[in-house]
Amino acid sequence: MSRFKKLHPDDVVVGRGPARISREPYLKAIQAAEAGAIELDEDDRPGTVKRLLRETARDLGIRVRSSWQDESQRVLLWKKSTAATSGRTTAGRR
């Protein structure tokens, strides 16, 4: 029979490849500043970096907006969004 073991959620990293990337740097950056820039390494995938920033912010209950500094997508600029308090609704958005 299978054996089950209780683990703390922070000790479990689920996924393969880019999905295993730690969110810790994103967490620290979002908590430390109102805005910032993420300079991608040569092996970083732009879509993965943007997704990790968005998902980490969502997990913290913070909305962020981001855009690429230029077409090369090597620097992602981001800032915390105040849209949540402006009365706009995002019903139906995911």
N, C-alpha and C. Protein backbone atom coordinates (compact mmCIF):
# COMPACT_ATOMS: atom_id res chain seq x y z
N MET A 1 0.84 -1.18 0.00
CA MET A 1 0.00 0.00 0.00
C MET A 1 0.89 1.25 0.00
N SER A 2 0.40 2.28 -0.59
CA SER A 2 1.13 3.55 -0.63
C SER A 2 1.27 4.13 0.75
N ARG A 3 2.36 4.86 0.96
CA ARG A 3 2.58 5.55 2.23
C ARG A 3 2.45 7.05 2.01
N PHE A 4 1.78 7.71 2.90
CA PHE A 4 1.57 9.14 2.79
C PHE A 4 2.34 9.85 3.89
N LYS A 5 2.86 11.01 3.55
CA LYS A 5 3.65 11.78 4.51
C LYS A 5 3.18 13.23 4.45
N LYS A 6 2.98 13.81 5.61
CA LYS A 6 2.54 15.20 5.69
C LYS A 6 3.77 16.10 5.50
N LEU A 7 3.64 17.11 4.63
CA LEU A 7 4.70 18.07 4.38
C LEU A 7 4.15 19.48 4.49
N HIS A 8 5.02 20.41 4.80
CA HIS A 8 4.63 21.82 4.81
C HIS A 8 4.58 22.31 3.36
N PRO A 9 3.56 23.05 2.97
CA PRO A 9 3.43 23.49 1.58
C PRO A 9 4.66 24.24 1.04
N ASP A 10 5.34 24.99 1.90
CA ASP A 10 6.52 25.73 1.46
C ASP A 10 7.68 24.82 1.08
N ASP A 11 7.64 23.58 1.53
CA ASP A 11 8.70 22.62 1.24
C ASP A 11 8.46 21.85 -0.04
N VAL A 12 7.34 22.10 -0.70
CA VAL A 12 6.99 21.34 -1.89
C VAL A 12 7.04 22.25 -3.11
N VAL A 13 7.82 21.84 -4.12
CA VAL A 13 7.87 22.55 -5.39
C VAL A 13 7.30 21.60 -6.43
N VAL A 14 6.22 22.02 -7.07
CA VAL A 14 5.53 21.16 -8.02
C VAL A 14 5.80 21.66 -9.44
N GLY A 15 6.02 20.75 -10.33
CA GLY A 15 6.18 21.10 -11.73
C GLY A 15 7.52 20.65 -12.28
N ARG A 16 7.66 20.81 -13.56
CA ARG A 16 8.89 20.45 -14.24
C ARG A 16 9.47 21.68 -14.92
N GLY A 17 10.74 21.68 -15.14
CA GLY A 17 11.41 22.76 -15.88
C GLY A 17 11.15 24.11 -15.24
N PRO A 18 10.70 25.08 -16.04
CA PRO A 18 10.49 26.44 -15.53
C PRO A 18 9.50 26.51 -14.38
N ALA A 19 8.57 25.56 -14.30
CA ALA A 19 7.58 25.60 -13.22
C ALA A 19 8.22 25.38 -11.86
N ARG A 20 9.42 24.81 -11.83
CA ARG A 20 10.11 24.55 -10.57
C ARG A 20 10.87 25.78 -10.07
N ILE A 21 10.91 26.84 -10.83
CA ILE A 21 11.65 28.04 -10.46
C ILE A 21 11.09 28.60 -9.16
N SER A 22 11.98 28.97 -8.27
CA SER A 22 11.56 29.52 -6.99
C SER A 22 10.92 30.90 -7.18
N ARG A 23 9.87 31.12 -6.46
CA ARG A 23 9.21 32.42 -6.49
C ARG A 23 9.79 33.37 -5.44
N GLU A 24 10.72 32.89 -4.66
CA GLU A 24 11.28 33.70 -3.57
C GLU A 24 11.79 35.06 -4.03
N PRO A 25 12.58 35.16 -5.12
CA PRO A 25 13.04 36.49 -5.55
C PRO A 25 11.89 37.42 -5.92
N TYR A 26 10.85 36.88 -6.52
CA TYR A 26 9.69 37.69 -6.88
C TYR A 26 8.96 38.17 -5.63
N LEU A 27 8.82 37.28 -4.67
CA LEU A 27 8.17 37.60 -3.40
C LEU A 27 8.91 38.74 -2.70
N LYS A 28 10.21 38.61 -2.60
CA LYS A 28 11.01 39.65 -1.93
C LYS A 28 10.93 40.99 -2.66
N ALA A 29 10.98 40.96 -3.98
CA ALA A 29 10.94 42.19 -4.76
C ALA A 29 9.60 42.91 -4.59
N ILE A 30 8.51 42.16 -4.66
CA ILE A 30 7.18 42.77 -4.55
C ILE A 30 6.95 43.33 -3.16
N GLN A 31 7.44 42.63 -2.14
CA GLN A 31 7.26 43.11 -0.77
C GLN A 31 8.16 44.30 -0.45
N ALA A 32 9.29 44.43 -1.14
CA ALA A 32 10.27 45.46 -0.80
C ALA A 32 10.06 46.79 -1.51
N ALA A 33 9.30 46.81 -2.60
CA ALA A 33 9.21 48.05 -3.38
C ALA A 33 7.84 48.22 -4.00
N GLU A 34 7.55 49.43 -4.42
CA GLU A 34 6.31 49.74 -5.12
C GLU A 34 6.46 49.50 -6.62
N ALA A 35 7.70 49.47 -7.10
CA ALA A 35 7.97 49.25 -8.52
C ALA A 35 9.38 48.72 -8.66
N GLY A 36 9.67 48.15 -9.85
CA GLY A 36 11.01 47.64 -10.06
C GLY A 36 11.21 47.17 -11.49
N ALA A 37 12.38 46.60 -11.71
CA ALA A 37 12.73 46.04 -13.01
C ALA A 37 13.34 44.67 -12.79
N ILE A 38 13.03 43.76 -13.68
CA ILE A 38 13.62 42.42 -13.63
C ILE A 38 14.45 42.27 -14.90
N GLU A 39 15.76 42.12 -14.72
CA GLU A 39 16.66 41.91 -15.85
C GLU A 39 16.81 40.41 -16.06
N LEU A 40 16.42 39.94 -17.22
CA LEU A 40 16.44 38.52 -17.51
C LEU A 40 17.84 38.03 -17.85
N ASP A 41 18.17 36.84 -17.36
CA ASP A 41 19.40 36.18 -17.76
C ASP A 41 19.20 35.61 -19.16
N GLU A 42 20.28 35.17 -19.77
CA GLU A 42 20.21 34.64 -21.13
C GLU A 42 19.27 33.45 -21.25
N ASP A 43 19.23 32.61 -20.22
CA ASP A 43 18.39 31.40 -20.31
C ASP A 43 16.97 31.59 -19.76
N ASP A 44 16.62 32.80 -19.31
CA ASP A 44 15.26 33.07 -18.82
C ASP A 44 14.30 33.21 -20.00
N ARG A 45 13.10 32.70 -19.80
CA ARG A 45 12.05 32.81 -20.81
C ARG A 45 11.14 33.98 -20.41
N PRO A 46 10.97 34.97 -21.29
CA PRO A 46 10.16 36.14 -20.96
C PRO A 46 8.76 35.81 -20.45
N GLY A 47 8.08 34.88 -21.08
CA GLY A 47 6.73 34.53 -20.66
C GLY A 47 6.69 33.94 -19.26
N THR A 48 7.70 33.14 -18.94
CA THR A 48 7.77 32.52 -17.62
C THR A 48 8.01 33.57 -16.54
N VAL A 49 8.91 34.51 -16.80
CA VAL A 49 9.21 35.56 -15.82
C VAL A 49 7.96 36.40 -15.56
N LYS A 50 7.27 36.78 -16.61
CA LYS A 50 6.07 37.61 -16.44
C LYS A 50 4.98 36.84 -15.68
N ARG A 51 4.83 35.56 -15.99
CA ARG A 51 3.83 34.74 -15.31
C ARG A 51 4.17 34.59 -13.83
N LEU A 52 5.42 34.33 -13.51
CA LEU A 52 5.82 34.17 -12.11
C LEU A 52 5.61 35.45 -11.32
N LEU A 53 5.89 36.60 -11.92
CA LEU A 53 5.64 37.88 -11.26
C LEU A 53 4.16 38.03 -10.97
N ARG A 54 3.33 37.77 -11.97
CA ARG A 54 1.88 37.92 -11.82
C ARG A 54 1.31 36.95 -10.78
N GLU A 55 1.74 35.68 -10.83
CA GLU A 55 1.22 34.69 -9.90
C GLU A 55 1.67 34.97 -8.47
N THR A 56 2.90 35.39 -8.29
CA THR A 56 3.40 35.70 -6.95
C THR A 56 2.63 36.89 -6.37
N ALA A 57 2.43 37.91 -7.17
CA ALA A 57 1.66 39.08 -6.71
C ALA A 57 0.25 38.67 -6.33
N ARG A 58 -0.36 37.84 -7.14
CA ARG A 58 -1.73 37.38 -6.85
C ARG A 58 -1.77 36.60 -5.53
N ASP A 59 -0.77 35.76 -5.30
CA ASP A 59 -0.71 35.01 -4.05
C ASP A 59 -0.59 35.93 -2.84
N LEU A 60 0.04 37.09 -3.03
CA LEU A 60 0.19 38.08 -1.95
C LEU A 60 -1.03 38.98 -1.83
N GLY A 61 -1.97 38.87 -2.77
CA GLY A 61 -3.15 39.74 -2.75
C GLY A 61 -2.84 41.13 -3.28
N ILE A 62 -1.81 41.24 -4.11
CA ILE A 62 -1.38 42.52 -4.66
C ILE A 62 -1.51 42.46 -6.17
N ARG A 63 -1.99 43.54 -6.76
CA ARG A 63 -2.06 43.60 -8.22
C ARG A 63 -0.84 44.33 -8.74
N VAL A 64 -0.24 43.80 -9.78
CA VAL A 64 0.89 44.47 -10.41
C VAL A 64 0.61 44.62 -11.90
N ARG A 65 1.18 45.66 -12.45
CA ARG A 65 1.15 45.87 -13.89
C ARG A 65 2.59 45.77 -14.36
N SER A 66 2.77 45.23 -15.55
CA SER A 66 4.13 45.10 -16.06
C SER A 66 4.16 45.26 -17.57
N SER A 67 5.32 45.66 -18.07
CA SER A 67 5.52 45.76 -19.51
C SER A 67 7.02 45.66 -19.78
N TRP A 68 7.33 45.28 -21.00
CA TRP A 68 8.73 45.13 -21.37
C TRP A 68 9.32 46.49 -21.69
N GLN A 69 10.59 46.67 -21.31
CA GLN A 69 11.26 47.94 -21.54
C GLN A 69 11.41 48.19 -23.05
N ASP A 70 11.68 47.14 -23.82
CA ASP A 70 11.76 47.26 -25.27
C ASP A 70 11.39 45.93 -25.92
N GLU A 71 11.50 45.86 -27.21
CA GLU A 71 11.07 44.67 -27.95
C GLU A 71 11.93 43.43 -27.70
N SER A 72 13.13 43.61 -27.16
CA SER A 72 14.01 42.45 -26.92
C SER A 72 13.53 41.60 -25.74
N GLN A 73 12.64 42.13 -24.93
CA GLN A 73 12.07 41.45 -23.76
C GLN A 73 13.16 40.91 -22.83
N ARG A 74 14.13 41.74 -22.51
CA ARG A 74 15.19 41.34 -21.59
C ARG A 74 15.07 42.08 -20.26
N VAL A 75 14.23 43.13 -20.20
CA VAL A 75 13.98 43.86 -18.95
C VAL A 75 12.48 44.05 -18.80
N LEU A 76 11.94 43.50 -17.71
CA LEU A 76 10.51 43.63 -17.42
C LEU A 76 10.33 44.68 -16.33
N LEU A 77 9.61 45.74 -16.65
CA LEU A 77 9.30 46.79 -15.69
C LEU A 77 7.96 46.47 -15.04
N TRP A 78 7.86 46.69 -13.73
CA TRP A 78 6.61 46.39 -13.04
C TRP A 78 6.34 47.44 -11.96
N LYS A 79 5.07 47.59 -11.61
CA LYS A 79 4.71 48.44 -10.47
C LYS A 79 3.41 47.94 -9.89
N LYS A 80 3.24 48.20 -8.61
CA LYS A 80 2.00 47.82 -7.95
C LYS A 80 0.88 48.68 -8.50
N SER A 81 -0.25 48.05 -8.72
CA SER A 81 -1.39 48.73 -9.32
C SER A 81 -2.33 49.21 -8.24
N THR A 82 -2.88 50.38 -8.45
CA THR A 82 -3.88 50.92 -7.52
C THR A 82 -5.27 50.77 -8.12
N ALA A 83 -5.39 50.02 -9.21
CA ALA A 83 -6.67 49.85 -9.90
C ALA A 83 -7.73 49.21 -9.01
N ALA A 84 -7.32 48.40 -8.06
CA ALA A 84 -8.28 47.72 -7.19
C ALA A 84 -9.07 48.70 -6.34
N THR A 85 -8.50 49.86 -6.06
CA THR A 85 -9.20 50.85 -5.25
C THR A 85 -9.83 51.95 -6.08
N SER A 86 -9.69 51.88 -7.40
CA SER A 86 -10.23 52.96 -8.24
C SER A 86 -11.68 52.73 -8.63
N GLY A 87 -12.27 51.61 -8.23
CA GLY A 87 -13.67 51.37 -8.52
C GLY A 87 -13.87 50.56 -9.79
N ARG A 88 -12.78 50.29 -10.51
CA ARG A 88 -12.92 49.46 -11.72
C ARG A 88 -13.17 48.01 -11.31
N THR A 89 -13.90 47.32 -12.14
CA THR A 89 -14.17 45.91 -11.85
C THR A 89 -13.47 45.04 -12.88
N THR A 90 -13.08 43.87 -12.46
CA THR A 90 -12.43 42.92 -13.37
C THR A 90 -13.22 41.63 -13.41
N ALA A 91 -14.52 41.72 -13.27
CA ALA A 91 -15.36 40.53 -13.28
C ALA A 91 -15.16 39.77 -14.58
N GLY A 92 -15.00 38.47 -14.46
CA GLY A 92 -14.84 37.63 -15.62
C GLY A 92 -13.39 37.50 -16.07
N ARG A 93 -12.49 38.29 -15.51
CA ARG A 93 -11.07 38.21 -15.87
C ARG A 93 -10.38 37.13 -15.07
N ARG A 94 -9.37 36.52 -15.66
CA ARG A 94 -8.58 35.52 -14.96
C ARG A 94 -7.14 35.84 -15.07
